[in-house]
């Protein structure tokens, strides 16, 4: 259906789930299968992964270089160029606190100025992951938080600085593919080009997708 009056914002909407089956439980995600009823009454089935959500940080130095992590990602069998990032899997931890923790853990940095660059769904057709990507400036060296241990993939990651312009070129060349890196770098590049840096959302700005996810969890618990 063609509509000339579609507004440019995502809207919360939840179609009835007639039956849900948990096909597998994992450490981070569950694999579920839902029988769904569309507004016209048609029923169909969708399989998808739950996800706790994540944060990522585009840490920009005064010389326009960005902190990057070169990290192995087993599902895609590649070592990816990524920003410092991590899961929202700690009970009660605010998104900004999680981003600040990840920046210290992975890049050994802290920042004086935090803004929201962009919010994304990484794979909305099959995974419930939401990602908030922050811009961090006014950078300083920092110690890793007490109790944090570098292990598994992180024990083999490389940390460095890449000029923002080089990252933009790499994205268009198809040699940088991480969704948080691509989205964050292009959002930063666009904000700089259009003079939006000072009008970026504050670090504690509302995150509607997380509110929708929390409501979904409450509803699932109430019906289980």
N, C-alpha and C. Protein backbone atom coordinates (compact mmCIF):
# COMPACT_ATOMS: atom_id res chain seq x y z
N UNK A 1 0.84 -1.19 0.00
CA UNK A 1 0.00 0.00 0.00
C UNK A 1 0.88 1.24 0.00
N UNK A 2 0.64 2.13 -0.95
CA UNK A 2 1.40 3.37 -1.03
C UNK A 2 0.71 4.46 -0.23
N UNK A 3 1.50 5.11 0.61
CA UNK A 3 0.99 6.22 1.43
C UNK A 3 1.90 7.42 1.28
N UNK A 4 1.37 8.55 0.88
CA UNK A 4 2.21 9.74 0.71
C UNK A 4 2.50 10.46 2.02
N UNK A 5 1.87 10.04 3.13
CA UNK A 5 1.97 10.80 4.37
C UNK A 5 2.72 10.06 5.47
N UNK A 6 3.61 9.12 5.12
CA UNK A 6 4.35 8.38 6.12
C UNK A 6 5.33 9.30 6.83
N UNK A 7 5.26 9.33 8.14
CA UNK A 7 6.15 10.17 8.93
C UNK A 7 7.48 9.46 9.15
N UNK A 8 8.59 10.20 9.21
CA UNK A 8 9.91 9.57 9.35
C UNK A 8 10.25 9.24 10.80
N UNK A 9 9.44 8.38 11.41
CA UNK A 9 9.80 7.88 12.74
C UNK A 9 9.24 6.48 12.92
N UNK A 10 9.99 5.66 13.65
CA UNK A 10 9.57 4.29 13.93
C UNK A 10 8.51 4.31 15.02
N UNK A 11 7.52 3.45 14.89
CA UNK A 11 6.40 3.44 15.82
C UNK A 11 6.30 2.10 16.54
N UNK A 12 6.10 2.10 17.86
CA UNK A 12 5.87 0.84 18.57
C UNK A 12 4.60 0.16 18.04
N UNK A 13 4.67 -1.12 17.83
CA UNK A 13 3.51 -1.90 17.38
C UNK A 13 3.77 -3.36 17.68
N UNK A 14 2.77 -4.06 18.18
CA UNK A 14 2.95 -5.45 18.55
C UNK A 14 1.77 -6.27 18.07
N UNK A 15 2.01 -7.18 17.14
CA UNK A 15 0.94 -8.06 16.66
C UNK A 15 0.80 -9.25 17.61
N UNK A 16 -0.40 -9.78 17.77
CA UNK A 16 -0.63 -10.87 18.73
C UNK A 16 0.20 -12.12 18.41
N UNK A 17 0.78 -12.68 19.47
CA UNK A 17 1.49 -13.95 19.35
C UNK A 17 0.55 -15.05 19.83
N UNK A 18 0.16 -15.91 18.93
CA UNK A 18 -0.78 -16.99 19.25
C UNK A 18 -0.08 -18.07 20.06
N UNK A 19 1.14 -18.36 19.69
CA UNK A 19 1.91 -19.38 20.43
C UNK A 19 3.40 -19.10 20.24
N UNK A 20 4.16 -19.29 21.30
CA UNK A 20 5.61 -19.15 21.25
C UNK A 20 6.28 -20.44 21.67
N UNK A 21 7.32 -20.82 20.93
CA UNK A 21 8.11 -21.99 21.26
C UNK A 21 9.57 -21.58 21.38
N UNK A 22 10.20 -21.94 22.49
CA UNK A 22 11.63 -21.67 22.67
C UNK A 22 12.38 -22.87 22.10
N UNK A 23 13.05 -22.65 20.97
CA UNK A 23 13.73 -23.74 20.27
C UNK A 23 15.13 -23.99 20.82
N UNK A 24 15.67 -22.99 21.52
CA UNK A 24 17.00 -23.16 22.10
C UNK A 24 17.33 -22.01 23.03
N UNK A 25 18.02 -22.30 24.12
CA UNK A 25 18.43 -21.26 25.07
C UNK A 25 19.95 -21.13 25.05
N UNK A 26 20.43 -19.89 25.05
CA UNK A 26 21.86 -19.66 25.01
C UNK A 26 22.31 -18.73 26.11
N UNK A 27 23.62 -18.49 26.18
CA UNK A 27 24.17 -17.63 27.22
C UNK A 27 23.75 -16.18 27.02
N UNK A 28 23.66 -15.73 25.76
CA UNK A 28 23.28 -14.35 25.45
C UNK A 28 21.87 -14.28 24.88
N UNK A 29 21.56 -15.18 23.94
CA UNK A 29 20.29 -15.11 23.22
C UNK A 29 19.53 -16.43 23.29
N UNK A 30 18.20 -16.32 23.20
CA UNK A 30 17.35 -17.49 23.02
C UNK A 30 16.83 -17.49 21.59
N UNK A 31 16.65 -18.68 21.04
CA UNK A 31 16.10 -18.85 19.70
C UNK A 31 14.63 -19.22 19.84
N UNK A 32 13.74 -18.33 19.40
CA UNK A 32 12.31 -18.54 19.61
C UNK A 32 11.58 -18.58 18.27
N UNK A 33 10.42 -19.20 18.31
CA UNK A 33 9.54 -19.29 17.13
C UNK A 33 8.15 -18.84 17.54
N UNK A 34 7.63 -17.81 16.88
CA UNK A 34 6.32 -17.25 17.20
C UNK A 34 5.33 -17.50 16.07
N UNK A 35 4.13 -17.91 16.46
CA UNK A 35 2.99 -17.90 15.54
C UNK A 35 2.28 -16.58 15.73
N UNK A 36 2.22 -15.75 14.67
CA UNK A 36 1.76 -14.37 14.76
C UNK A 36 0.48 -14.19 13.95
N UNK A 37 -0.39 -13.32 14.45
CA UNK A 37 -1.60 -12.98 13.71
C UNK A 37 -1.50 -11.54 13.21
N UNK A 38 -1.58 -11.35 11.90
CA UNK A 38 -1.51 -10.03 11.29
C UNK A 38 -2.85 -9.30 11.46
N UNK A 39 -2.88 -7.98 11.23
CA UNK A 39 -4.14 -7.23 11.39
C UNK A 39 -5.28 -7.74 10.51
N UNK A 40 -4.96 -8.36 9.37
CA UNK A 40 -6.03 -8.88 8.50
C UNK A 40 -6.45 -10.30 8.88
N UNK A 41 -5.92 -10.81 9.99
CA UNK A 41 -6.30 -12.13 10.47
C UNK A 41 -5.43 -13.26 10.00
N UNK A 42 -4.56 -13.00 9.03
CA UNK A 42 -3.67 -14.05 8.52
C UNK A 42 -2.64 -14.42 9.57
N UNK A 43 -2.38 -15.71 9.72
CA UNK A 43 -1.41 -16.19 10.68
C UNK A 43 -0.16 -16.71 9.96
N UNK A 44 1.00 -16.44 10.56
CA UNK A 44 2.25 -16.90 9.98
C UNK A 44 3.26 -17.10 11.10
N UNK A 45 4.41 -17.68 10.77
CA UNK A 45 5.42 -18.04 11.77
C UNK A 45 6.73 -17.30 11.50
N UNK A 46 7.35 -16.81 12.56
CA UNK A 46 8.65 -16.17 12.45
C UNK A 46 9.59 -16.71 13.54
N UNK A 47 10.83 -16.96 13.16
CA UNK A 47 11.87 -17.38 14.10
C UNK A 47 12.84 -16.21 14.30
N UNK A 48 13.23 -15.99 15.57
CA UNK A 48 14.12 -14.86 15.84
C UNK A 48 14.92 -15.09 17.11
N UNK A 49 15.95 -14.25 17.33
CA UNK A 49 16.80 -14.35 18.51
C UNK A 49 16.53 -13.20 19.45
N UNK A 50 16.38 -13.50 20.73
CA UNK A 50 16.33 -12.44 21.74
C UNK A 50 17.73 -11.84 21.89
N UNK A 51 17.81 -10.66 22.49
CA UNK A 51 19.12 -10.04 22.68
C UNK A 51 19.02 -8.97 23.76
N UNK A 52 20.03 -8.88 24.66
CA UNK A 52 19.95 -7.89 25.75
C UNK A 52 20.23 -6.46 25.30
N UNK A 53 20.72 -6.26 24.08
CA UNK A 53 21.08 -4.93 23.61
C UNK A 53 22.56 -4.66 23.82
N UNK A 54 23.04 -3.56 23.23
CA UNK A 54 24.46 -3.26 23.29
C UNK A 54 24.71 -1.75 23.17
N UNK A 55 25.91 -1.36 23.52
CA UNK A 55 26.37 0.01 23.31
C UNK A 55 27.70 -0.03 22.58
N UNK A 56 28.00 1.05 21.84
CA UNK A 56 29.27 1.18 21.15
C UNK A 56 29.73 2.63 21.28
N UNK A 57 31.02 2.86 21.14
CA UNK A 57 31.58 4.19 21.36
C UNK A 57 32.51 4.58 20.21
N UNK A 58 32.17 5.67 19.53
CA UNK A 58 33.09 6.28 18.58
C UNK A 58 33.88 7.32 19.36
N UNK A 59 35.10 6.97 19.70
CA UNK A 59 35.97 7.83 20.51
C UNK A 59 36.85 8.65 19.56
N UNK A 60 36.62 9.96 19.54
CA UNK A 60 37.27 10.86 18.58
C UNK A 60 38.31 11.72 19.27
N UNK A 61 39.55 11.61 18.80
CA UNK A 61 40.64 12.42 19.33
C UNK A 61 40.62 13.81 18.68
N UNK A 62 41.34 14.75 19.26
CA UNK A 62 41.37 16.12 18.73
C UNK A 62 41.96 16.20 17.33
N UNK A 63 42.79 15.20 16.95
CA UNK A 63 43.38 15.19 15.61
C UNK A 63 42.52 14.41 14.61
N UNK A 64 41.24 14.19 14.96
CA UNK A 64 40.28 13.50 14.09
C UNK A 64 40.65 12.04 13.83
N UNK A 65 41.31 11.43 14.78
CA UNK A 65 41.53 9.98 14.72
C UNK A 65 40.56 9.29 15.67
N UNK A 66 40.14 8.10 15.27
CA UNK A 66 39.13 7.34 16.00
C UNK A 66 39.77 6.09 16.60
N UNK A 67 39.43 5.80 17.85
CA UNK A 67 39.91 4.58 18.50
C UNK A 67 39.20 3.38 17.90
N UNK A 68 39.98 2.39 17.47
CA UNK A 68 39.40 1.19 16.86
C UNK A 68 39.95 -0.06 17.53
N UNK A 69 39.12 -1.09 17.49
CA UNK A 69 39.48 -2.42 17.97
C UNK A 69 39.52 -3.36 16.76
N UNK A 70 40.58 -4.13 16.63
CA UNK A 70 40.64 -5.15 15.59
C UNK A 70 40.42 -6.49 16.28
N UNK A 71 39.22 -7.07 16.08
CA UNK A 71 38.82 -8.22 16.90
C UNK A 71 38.25 -9.34 16.05
N UNK A 72 38.61 -10.57 16.42
CA UNK A 72 38.09 -11.76 15.73
C UNK A 72 36.63 -11.97 16.08
N UNK A 73 35.82 -12.23 15.04
CA UNK A 73 34.40 -12.53 15.23
C UNK A 73 34.11 -13.89 14.59
N UNK A 74 33.91 -14.88 15.44
CA UNK A 74 33.78 -16.26 14.95
C UNK A 74 32.59 -16.47 14.01
N UNK A 75 31.39 -15.92 14.26
CA UNK A 75 30.27 -16.20 13.35
C UNK A 75 30.52 -15.79 11.90
N UNK A 76 31.33 -14.74 11.68
CA UNK A 76 31.59 -14.31 10.30
C UNK A 76 32.98 -14.71 9.83
N UNK A 77 33.76 -15.37 10.69
CA UNK A 77 35.10 -15.85 10.35
C UNK A 77 35.98 -14.74 9.80
N UNK A 78 35.98 -13.60 10.50
CA UNK A 78 36.80 -12.47 10.09
C UNK A 78 37.26 -11.69 11.33
N UNK A 79 38.35 -10.98 11.19
CA UNK A 79 38.79 -10.02 12.21
C UNK A 79 38.27 -8.66 11.76
N UNK A 80 37.39 -8.06 12.54
CA UNK A 80 36.71 -6.85 12.14
C UNK A 80 37.30 -5.61 12.81
N UNK A 81 37.21 -4.49 12.09
CA UNK A 81 37.54 -3.19 12.65
C UNK A 81 36.28 -2.65 13.31
N UNK A 82 36.32 -2.49 14.63
CA UNK A 82 35.14 -2.13 15.40
C UNK A 82 35.44 -1.01 16.39
N UNK A 83 34.40 -0.34 16.87
CA UNK A 83 34.60 0.57 18.00
C UNK A 83 34.55 -0.21 19.30
N UNK A 84 35.04 0.35 20.40
CA UNK A 84 34.80 -0.28 21.70
C UNK A 84 33.29 -0.47 21.90
N UNK A 85 32.89 -1.65 22.35
CA UNK A 85 31.46 -1.96 22.43
C UNK A 85 31.24 -3.12 23.39
N UNK A 86 29.98 -3.29 23.82
CA UNK A 86 29.68 -4.40 24.68
C UNK A 86 28.19 -4.55 24.94
N UNK A 87 27.84 -5.64 25.59
CA UNK A 87 26.44 -5.98 25.85
C UNK A 87 25.87 -5.20 27.03
N UNK A 88 24.56 -5.03 27.00
CA UNK A 88 23.82 -4.48 28.14
C UNK A 88 23.30 -5.65 28.97
N UNK A 89 24.22 -6.38 29.56
CA UNK A 89 23.84 -7.61 30.26
C UNK A 89 24.07 -7.53 31.76
N UNK A 90 24.40 -6.33 32.27
CA UNK A 90 24.55 -6.16 33.71
C UNK A 90 23.27 -5.56 34.29
N UNK A 91 22.67 -6.24 35.24
CA UNK A 91 21.40 -5.80 35.82
C UNK A 91 21.51 -4.38 36.37
N UNK A 92 20.60 -3.51 35.93
CA UNK A 92 20.50 -2.18 36.48
C UNK A 92 21.52 -1.18 35.97
N UNK A 93 22.42 -1.60 35.08
CA UNK A 93 23.44 -0.67 34.58
C UNK A 93 22.85 0.22 33.48
N UNK A 94 23.03 1.52 33.64
CA UNK A 94 22.54 2.47 32.64
C UNK A 94 23.40 2.36 31.38
N UNK A 95 22.80 2.71 30.25
CA UNK A 95 23.48 2.59 28.96
C UNK A 95 24.77 3.41 28.94
N UNK A 96 24.73 4.63 29.47
CA UNK A 96 25.92 5.48 29.46
C UNK A 96 27.01 4.87 30.34
N UNK A 97 26.63 4.36 31.50
CA UNK A 97 27.60 3.71 32.37
C UNK A 97 28.24 2.52 31.66
N UNK A 98 27.44 1.77 30.92
CA UNK A 98 27.96 0.62 30.18
C UNK A 98 28.95 1.08 29.12
N UNK A 99 28.63 2.17 28.41
CA UNK A 99 29.53 2.68 27.37
C UNK A 99 30.84 3.17 27.98
N UNK A 100 30.75 3.85 29.11
CA UNK A 100 31.97 4.33 29.76
C UNK A 100 32.82 3.17 30.25
N UNK A 101 32.17 2.14 30.76
CA UNK A 101 32.90 0.95 31.21
C UNK A 101 33.59 0.26 30.04
N UNK A 102 32.87 0.09 28.92
CA UNK A 102 33.45 -0.58 27.76
C UNK A 102 34.63 0.20 27.19
N UNK A 103 34.54 1.53 27.18
CA UNK A 103 35.64 2.34 26.66
C UNK A 103 36.88 2.15 27.52
N UNK A 104 36.70 2.06 28.83
CA UNK A 104 37.83 1.84 29.72
C UNK A 104 38.37 0.42 29.60
N UNK A 105 37.48 -0.56 29.51
CA UNK A 105 37.91 -1.96 29.44
C UNK A 105 38.66 -2.26 28.15
N UNK A 106 38.13 -1.82 27.03
CA UNK A 106 38.68 -2.24 25.73
C UNK A 106 39.74 -1.29 25.19
N UNK A 107 39.60 0.01 25.44
CA UNK A 107 40.54 0.98 24.87
C UNK A 107 41.36 1.70 25.93
N UNK A 108 41.07 1.45 27.20
CA UNK A 108 41.77 2.11 28.32
C UNK A 108 41.70 3.63 28.17
N UNK A 109 40.47 4.11 27.95
CA UNK A 109 40.22 5.54 27.76
C UNK A 109 39.03 5.97 28.61
N UNK A 110 39.01 7.25 28.97
CA UNK A 110 37.83 7.90 29.51
C UNK A 110 37.61 9.18 28.73
N UNK A 111 36.41 9.74 28.82
CA UNK A 111 36.07 10.91 28.02
C UNK A 111 35.35 11.95 28.86
N UNK A 112 35.59 13.22 28.53
CA UNK A 112 34.93 14.32 29.22
C UNK A 112 33.56 14.64 28.62
N UNK A 113 33.41 14.41 27.33
CA UNK A 113 32.19 14.81 26.62
C UNK A 113 31.54 13.61 25.94
N UNK A 114 30.27 13.38 26.27
CA UNK A 114 29.54 12.25 25.69
C UNK A 114 28.26 12.76 25.02
N UNK A 115 28.01 12.26 23.81
CA UNK A 115 26.77 12.56 23.08
C UNK A 115 26.26 11.27 22.45
N UNK A 116 24.96 11.25 22.12
CA UNK A 116 24.41 10.13 21.37
C UNK A 116 24.56 10.41 19.88
N UNK A 117 25.25 9.51 19.18
CA UNK A 117 25.37 9.65 17.74
C UNK A 117 24.15 9.10 17.02
N UNK A 118 23.83 7.83 17.29
CA UNK A 118 22.75 7.19 16.55
C UNK A 118 22.31 5.93 17.30
N UNK A 119 21.03 5.60 17.19
CA UNK A 119 20.48 4.34 17.70
C UNK A 119 20.09 3.46 16.52
N UNK A 120 20.43 2.18 16.59
CA UNK A 120 20.11 1.29 15.47
C UNK A 120 19.60 -0.06 15.98
N UNK A 121 18.87 -0.77 15.11
CA UNK A 121 18.64 -2.20 15.25
C UNK A 121 19.64 -2.87 14.31
N UNK A 122 20.42 -3.81 14.81
CA UNK A 122 21.45 -4.40 13.96
C UNK A 122 20.87 -5.29 12.87
N UNK A 123 19.87 -6.12 13.21
CA UNK A 123 19.27 -7.05 12.25
C UNK A 123 17.81 -7.23 12.60
N UNK A 124 16.96 -6.23 12.35
CA UNK A 124 15.58 -6.27 12.86
C UNK A 124 14.71 -7.38 12.28
N UNK A 125 15.13 -7.98 11.17
CA UNK A 125 14.33 -9.07 10.61
C UNK A 125 14.48 -10.38 11.36
N UNK A 126 15.53 -10.51 12.20
CA UNK A 126 15.73 -11.79 12.85
C UNK A 126 16.35 -11.75 14.23
N UNK A 127 16.82 -10.56 14.67
CA UNK A 127 17.47 -10.44 15.98
C UNK A 127 16.94 -9.19 16.66
N UNK A 128 16.66 -9.29 17.96
CA UNK A 128 16.08 -8.17 18.70
C UNK A 128 17.14 -7.19 19.23
N UNK A 129 18.36 -7.26 18.71
CA UNK A 129 19.44 -6.41 19.23
C UNK A 129 19.20 -4.92 18.92
N UNK A 130 19.31 -4.11 19.97
CA UNK A 130 19.32 -2.66 19.84
C UNK A 130 20.71 -2.18 20.21
N UNK A 131 21.22 -1.18 19.49
CA UNK A 131 22.55 -0.64 19.77
C UNK A 131 22.47 0.88 19.85
N UNK A 132 22.98 1.44 20.94
CA UNK A 132 23.16 2.88 21.03
C UNK A 132 24.64 3.18 20.81
N UNK A 133 24.92 4.08 19.85
CA UNK A 133 26.29 4.43 19.52
C UNK A 133 26.56 5.85 20.00
N UNK A 134 27.54 5.96 20.89
CA UNK A 134 27.90 7.24 21.48
C UNK A 134 29.09 7.87 20.77
N UNK A 135 29.17 9.18 20.84
CA UNK A 135 30.37 9.93 20.49
C UNK A 135 31.05 10.36 21.78
N UNK A 136 32.32 10.01 21.92
CA UNK A 136 33.09 10.38 23.11
C UNK A 136 34.26 11.27 22.68
N UNK A 137 34.38 12.42 23.32
CA UNK A 137 35.47 13.36 23.03
C UNK A 137 36.10 13.84 24.34
N UNK A 138 37.19 14.56 24.20
CA UNK A 138 37.93 14.96 25.40
C UNK A 138 38.52 13.73 26.06
N UNK A 139 39.34 13.00 25.32
CA UNK A 139 39.80 11.68 25.75
C UNK A 139 41.05 11.75 26.62
N UNK A 140 41.13 10.81 27.56
CA UNK A 140 42.28 10.68 28.44
C UNK A 140 42.57 9.19 28.65
N UNK A 141 43.81 8.89 28.92
CA UNK A 141 44.17 7.51 29.24
C UNK A 141 43.52 7.12 30.58
N UNK A 142 43.17 5.85 30.69
CA UNK A 142 42.53 5.36 31.91
C UNK A 142 42.98 3.93 32.18
N UNK A 143 42.85 3.52 33.43
CA UNK A 143 43.12 2.14 33.79
C UNK A 143 41.88 1.29 33.53
N UNK A 144 42.09 0.02 33.27
CA UNK A 144 40.95 -0.87 33.14
C UNK A 144 40.27 -1.02 34.50
N UNK A 145 38.94 -1.15 34.53
CA UNK A 145 38.23 -1.26 35.80
C UNK A 145 38.70 -2.44 36.63
N UNK A 146 38.66 -2.29 37.93
CA UNK A 146 39.04 -3.38 38.83
C UNK A 146 38.18 -4.61 38.57
N UNK A 147 38.81 -5.74 38.51
CA UNK A 147 38.09 -6.99 38.32
C UNK A 147 37.92 -7.40 36.87
N UNK A 148 38.22 -6.49 35.93
CA UNK A 148 38.07 -6.85 34.52
C UNK A 148 39.26 -7.66 34.06
N UNK A 149 38.99 -8.79 33.41
CA UNK A 149 40.04 -9.64 32.88
C UNK A 149 39.88 -9.76 31.38
N UNK A 150 40.96 -9.53 30.64
CA UNK A 150 40.95 -9.69 29.19
C UNK A 150 41.04 -11.18 28.88
N UNK A 151 40.04 -11.71 28.16
CA UNK A 151 40.02 -13.14 27.88
C UNK A 151 39.34 -13.41 26.54
N UNK A 152 39.47 -14.64 26.09
CA UNK A 152 38.86 -15.11 24.85
C UNK A 152 39.27 -14.23 23.66
N UNK A 153 38.32 -13.77 22.84
CA UNK A 153 38.68 -12.95 21.68
C UNK A 153 39.41 -11.68 22.09
N UNK A 154 38.99 -11.10 23.23
CA UNK A 154 39.58 -9.83 23.65
C UNK A 154 41.06 -9.96 23.98
N UNK A 155 41.49 -11.16 24.34
CA UNK A 155 42.90 -11.37 24.66
C UNK A 155 43.77 -11.29 23.41
N UNK A 156 43.16 -11.31 22.23
CA UNK A 156 43.90 -11.30 20.98
C UNK A 156 43.57 -10.07 20.12
N UNK A 157 42.86 -9.10 20.67
CA UNK A 157 42.48 -7.94 19.87
C UNK A 157 43.61 -6.91 19.86
N UNK A 158 43.63 -6.14 18.76
CA UNK A 158 44.57 -5.03 18.62
C UNK A 158 43.81 -3.73 18.81
N UNK A 159 44.47 -2.73 19.39
CA UNK A 159 43.85 -1.43 19.64
C UNK A 159 44.70 -0.36 18.95
N UNK A 160 44.04 0.56 18.25
CA UNK A 160 44.80 1.60 17.56
C UNK A 160 43.94 2.81 17.22
N UNK A 161 44.52 3.70 16.43
CA UNK A 161 43.86 4.94 16.02
C UNK A 161 43.88 5.04 14.50
N UNK A 162 42.73 5.36 13.92
CA UNK A 162 42.62 5.49 12.47
C UNK A 162 41.99 6.84 12.15
N UNK A 163 42.52 7.58 11.17
CA UNK A 163 41.88 8.85 10.79
C UNK A 163 40.44 8.64 10.38
N UNK A 164 39.57 9.53 10.81
CA UNK A 164 38.15 9.42 10.47
C UNK A 164 37.96 9.34 8.97
N UNK A 165 38.68 10.15 8.21
CA UNK A 165 38.54 10.15 6.75
C UNK A 165 38.88 8.78 6.16
N UNK A 166 39.89 8.11 6.73
CA UNK A 166 40.27 6.79 6.23
C UNK A 166 39.18 5.76 6.53
N UNK A 167 38.54 5.88 7.68
CA UNK A 167 37.44 4.96 7.99
C UNK A 167 36.26 5.17 7.04
N UNK A 168 35.95 6.41 6.74
CA UNK A 168 34.87 6.70 5.78
C UNK A 168 35.20 6.06 4.43
N UNK A 169 36.43 6.24 3.96
CA UNK A 169 36.84 5.65 2.68
C UNK A 169 36.74 4.13 2.72
N UNK A 170 37.16 3.53 3.85
CA UNK A 170 37.13 2.07 3.98
C UNK A 170 35.70 1.54 3.97
N UNK A 171 34.79 2.28 4.58
CA UNK A 171 33.39 1.86 4.59
C UNK A 171 32.83 1.84 3.18
N UNK A 172 33.08 2.89 2.42
CA UNK A 172 32.57 2.93 1.05
C UNK A 172 33.28 1.92 0.14
N UNK A 173 34.51 1.55 0.51
CA UNK A 173 35.23 0.54 -0.25
C UNK A 173 34.82 -0.88 0.13
N UNK A 174 34.03 -1.02 1.19
CA UNK A 174 33.56 -2.33 1.63
C UNK A 174 34.56 -3.10 2.46
N UNK A 175 35.58 -2.44 2.99
CA UNK A 175 36.58 -3.15 3.79
C UNK A 175 36.35 -3.00 5.29
N UNK A 176 35.40 -2.20 5.70
CA UNK A 176 34.97 -2.10 7.10
C UNK A 176 33.47 -2.34 7.12
N UNK A 177 33.03 -3.37 7.87
CA UNK A 177 31.65 -3.83 7.74
C UNK A 177 30.88 -3.97 9.05
N UNK A 178 31.53 -3.79 10.19
CA UNK A 178 30.82 -3.88 11.47
C UNK A 178 29.68 -2.87 11.49
N UNK A 179 28.45 -3.28 11.84
CA UNK A 179 27.33 -2.34 11.80
C UNK A 179 27.49 -1.15 12.73
N UNK A 180 28.08 -1.37 13.90
CA UNK A 180 28.28 -0.24 14.81
C UNK A 180 29.37 0.70 14.30
N UNK A 181 30.40 0.16 13.65
CA UNK A 181 31.45 1.00 13.08
C UNK A 181 30.92 1.79 11.89
N UNK A 182 30.23 1.10 10.98
CA UNK A 182 29.68 1.77 9.80
C UNK A 182 28.69 2.85 10.19
N UNK A 183 27.73 2.51 11.04
CA UNK A 183 26.70 3.47 11.44
C UNK A 183 27.29 4.64 12.21
N UNK A 184 28.19 4.33 13.15
CA UNK A 184 28.76 5.39 13.98
C UNK A 184 29.65 6.33 13.21
N UNK A 185 30.51 5.78 12.36
CA UNK A 185 31.43 6.62 11.60
C UNK A 185 30.67 7.49 10.60
N UNK A 186 29.71 6.91 9.89
CA UNK A 186 28.97 7.71 8.91
C UNK A 186 28.09 8.74 9.60
N UNK A 187 27.55 8.41 10.77
CA UNK A 187 26.76 9.39 11.52
C UNK A 187 27.66 10.55 11.98
N UNK A 188 28.85 10.22 12.45
CA UNK A 188 29.79 11.27 12.86
C UNK A 188 30.22 12.13 11.68
N UNK A 189 30.54 11.48 10.58
CA UNK A 189 30.95 12.21 9.38
C UNK A 189 29.84 13.16 8.92
N UNK A 190 28.60 12.66 8.94
CA UNK A 190 27.48 13.50 8.53
C UNK A 190 27.24 14.65 9.50
N UNK A 191 27.40 14.38 10.79
CA UNK A 191 27.19 15.43 11.79
C UNK A 191 28.23 16.54 11.65
N UNK A 192 29.47 16.14 11.38
CA UNK A 192 30.51 17.14 11.18
C UNK A 192 30.26 17.96 9.92
N UNK A 193 29.83 17.28 8.84
CA UNK A 193 29.63 17.96 7.57
C UNK A 193 28.46 18.93 7.60
N UNK A 194 27.47 18.67 8.46
CA UNK A 194 26.27 19.50 8.50
C UNK A 194 26.21 20.39 9.74
N UNK A 195 27.28 20.42 10.52
CA UNK A 195 27.32 21.28 11.70
C UNK A 195 26.38 20.85 12.80
N UNK A 196 26.13 19.52 12.94
CA UNK A 196 25.18 19.01 13.92
C UNK A 196 25.83 18.59 15.24
N UNK A 197 27.13 18.63 15.34
CA UNK A 197 27.81 18.09 16.52
C UNK A 197 27.25 18.67 17.80
N UNK A 198 27.10 19.97 17.86
CA UNK A 198 26.65 20.60 19.10
C UNK A 198 25.17 20.38 19.37
N UNK A 199 24.42 19.89 18.39
CA UNK A 199 22.99 19.63 18.60
C UNK A 199 22.69 18.14 18.70
N UNK A 200 23.74 17.30 18.79
CA UNK A 200 23.50 15.88 19.02
C UNK A 200 22.79 15.68 20.35
N UNK A 201 22.03 14.60 20.45
CA UNK A 201 21.30 14.32 21.68
C UNK A 201 22.25 14.15 22.87
N UNK A 202 21.82 14.57 24.06
CA UNK A 202 22.66 14.37 25.24
C UNK A 202 22.84 12.89 25.54
N UNK A 203 23.87 12.59 26.30
CA UNK A 203 24.23 11.20 26.56
C UNK A 203 23.13 10.42 27.27
N UNK A 204 22.28 11.13 28.04
CA UNK A 204 21.21 10.45 28.77
C UNK A 204 19.86 10.58 28.07
N UNK A 205 19.87 10.85 26.77
CA UNK A 205 18.62 10.99 26.01
C UNK A 205 17.79 9.71 26.08
N UNK A 206 16.46 9.84 26.04
CA UNK A 206 15.60 8.64 26.02
C UNK A 206 15.97 7.71 24.86
N UNK A 207 15.72 6.44 25.08
CA UNK A 207 16.00 5.41 24.07
C UNK A 207 14.72 4.59 23.90
N UNK A 208 13.82 5.02 23.01
CA UNK A 208 12.51 4.38 22.89
C UNK A 208 12.56 2.87 22.64
N UNK A 209 13.53 2.40 21.87
CA UNK A 209 13.60 0.98 21.58
C UNK A 209 13.80 0.15 22.84
N UNK A 210 14.53 0.70 23.82
CA UNK A 210 14.73 -0.03 25.06
C UNK A 210 13.45 -0.07 25.88
N UNK A 211 12.65 0.99 25.81
CA UNK A 211 11.36 1.00 26.50
C UNK A 211 10.42 -0.05 25.91
N UNK A 212 10.45 -0.17 24.58
CA UNK A 212 9.62 -1.19 23.91
C UNK A 212 10.08 -2.59 24.33
N UNK A 213 11.40 -2.80 24.38
CA UNK A 213 11.93 -4.10 24.76
C UNK A 213 11.57 -4.44 26.21
N UNK A 214 11.67 -3.46 27.10
CA UNK A 214 11.33 -3.70 28.50
C UNK A 214 9.85 -4.05 28.64
N UNK A 215 9.00 -3.37 27.90
CA UNK A 215 7.56 -3.67 27.94
C UNK A 215 7.29 -5.06 27.39
N UNK A 216 8.02 -5.45 26.36
CA UNK A 216 7.85 -6.79 25.80
C UNK A 216 8.22 -7.85 26.82
N UNK A 217 9.32 -7.63 27.55
CA UNK A 217 9.73 -8.57 28.58
C UNK A 217 8.68 -8.67 29.69
N UNK A 218 8.14 -7.52 30.10
CA UNK A 218 7.10 -7.53 31.15
C UNK A 218 5.87 -8.30 30.68
N UNK A 219 5.49 -8.09 29.44
CA UNK A 219 4.31 -8.75 28.90
C UNK A 219 4.55 -10.27 28.78
N UNK A 220 5.75 -10.65 28.36
CA UNK A 220 6.06 -12.08 28.23
C UNK A 220 6.06 -12.77 29.58
N UNK A 221 6.58 -12.08 30.61
CA UNK A 221 6.57 -12.66 31.95
C UNK A 221 5.15 -12.82 32.46
N UNK A 222 4.32 -11.84 32.18
CA UNK A 222 2.93 -11.87 32.67
C UNK A 222 2.12 -12.97 32.03
N UNK A 223 2.47 -13.36 30.80
CA UNK A 223 1.70 -14.37 30.07
C UNK A 223 2.31 -15.76 30.14
N UNK A 224 3.50 -15.85 30.76
CA UNK A 224 4.17 -17.16 30.80
C UNK A 224 3.63 -18.03 31.94
